[in-house]
Amino acid sequence: MPSPRRPLLAAVTGATLLALVSATTPAIAQPASAGAPAAEQCSDEPRDLPVHEFTDHRELGNELARLERVSAGAVDVTEIGRSNRGREVWAARVGTGPKAVLLTSEIHGNEKTGTDAILQVLDFVGTSDTAKAKRMRSELTIVAIPKMNPDGAELDRRGNDMRWDEVTARFPQLRGSEPAWNYYTEPRQGDDYSQLPGFDVNRDYNPDLNYEPKAEDFPGTSADTGWYITPESRIVRDVYKGLTAEFGKVDTYVDLHHQGACYVMPDDPDRFVTMSISGKFVDDPATTPGYEQYADTYDLDYAKQLNVAVYNALQGRANNNPLFGNITLYPQDTNLPGTGLGSFALNGSGSVLFEVRGQTQTLGQKYRTQLTRTVYIGLDGMLSSIASGQIGNLDPAVYDSIPPRGPSIGSASRTATHVLED
C-alpha cells in the first residue's frame, strides 16, 4: 500500500514557514566516525525508495492556487502549456521590478527538491511584509516554472514520457531520420524506458530561439544543440522569449537539479558534497566556431557573480549548520549548448546551476527538508543580492576559488558519466 502523502504546510506562510523549516531541519548523517570507510556509507545504485513527501503534480496545483489566494494576487499563476501527456505546466509570477529572473525545476522528474524550494521562495516574496521581500518585489520580476516535466515527475524518472513516433507526427519533416541521441528506450537509473520511452528534456534546447527541427540535425550528440521537439522545452523557450520581448533580456536564469549521492569534498572524503553550483555551461562563443554571433551577449562574469552570491549565502549559514558549507563547483569543463542553461547563457542571461546531493533513486526523500533548505538559502541570497544591487560589487574571481567537486565514492561509473547523468 502506498504511504500516505504528508499535507503541505498550507497554513504557514512567509517568514513563519522559513522559521519552522529552520527550526525543524535535521542534520544529514555523516559517516559514523573518521575511521569508518566512507564508501560503505553511500551507494549510487538505483533503488525503489519512497518519494511521497515531495510535492506531486496535484499538490503543486493546489499549493500554487493557495499562494495566489493568500498573496491577494501578488503571486500570479498561469497555465503556460501542457506536457506530452496533457498535464498542466504552470508559471508563477511575482514582483513588478525591471529585472526578470526565470527559475525552473524538475526538468528531470527524479530531481525534486527544487520544486519545494521554489514554493517557499514564492511564499516569502509574495506574502512577506519584510523590507527584503518588498525590495525583491519592487526590483525583480520573478517567474518560476516548478515541475516543468510533470510526466517524468509523476513517473519519478529522469526522462519525459514521449515516443519517437509522436515526435514525427508533430514534425513530419523528421520522418525517416534517426531518433535523437537523447531518446531513452533502454533501462536507465532503475527505470525501464523500453515500456515507456522518453527524452532527456535538458538536451532539447537551442540558442537559436526560433529554431525549428531539421532532419539533417539528427541524431546529434551531447556536444550539439537540441531541437525543441518536446512540448516541455518549447514551453520554457516560449516563456523565455516572452520575457525577453517584455524586458529586453532575461537578467538571470536558474535551473535546479540533483547529482549523485556520493560526491565528497576535495579535501575530506568523510564530508559529502551538499550541493554543487556552476555558471559555466558552454565554451567561450567568441572563440568557438559557429557561436560567434553570441559573443556580445554572453556574460560569464555576471554568471560568476550570481554563483558567488549563492555560495556566500550558504557559507554564512555554515556556523549554524556545517552542511551548508559543503558547497563545491560543478565540473567546469562542461560545454552543453543543448541545455537550457547553455542556450540561455548564450542569449545573455546570467545562468546558475544548482546540483543538490542525491537523486530520488539513490536517496529517496531522505534529507528532503535539509536539501530543500539548502536550495532555498542559495536562491534567497542570490535574489537578495540582485534586488539590492550588491551583486555588482561581488568579485567574479571568487568563483574560481570555490572548491571543485571531489570524487564520487559510490559507483565508479558515475564519475565517468557525470555530465550525462547529473
Foldseek 3Di string as FASTA:
>chain_A
DADDADADPLVAFAPRVVVVLVVPFDFDDFPPDQPDDRLVVFAQQFDDFAFRHFQALVNLVVLLVSLCVLLVNQWPKDFLDAFPVGRTWIKTKHADALAEEEEEEPLFLLFGLSLVLVSRVSRHLRHDPDPLSVLLRHHYIYMYTYNLQNQNNVVNGGFHFDDVVVLCVVVVQQPPADAAPQKDCADDSNDHCVVGIGGRQQLAAALPLPAADHRVCPNDDQLDAHHPSTPSNNSVSVVQVVVCVVNVHNAEYEYEAAFEQFWAFAVGNRHHQFKAKDQAAADQLCPDPPLVVLNVQADSLLLLLLVVLLQVLLVVCCVVPVNSNRYAHEDRVHHGCHGPSNSRNSVRYNYMYIHGHDGCRGQNCVSSSVSSSSVNSSVSSSSSCSSVVVSVVDGSVVSVVGGHIHDGSYDPVCRVCRVPGD
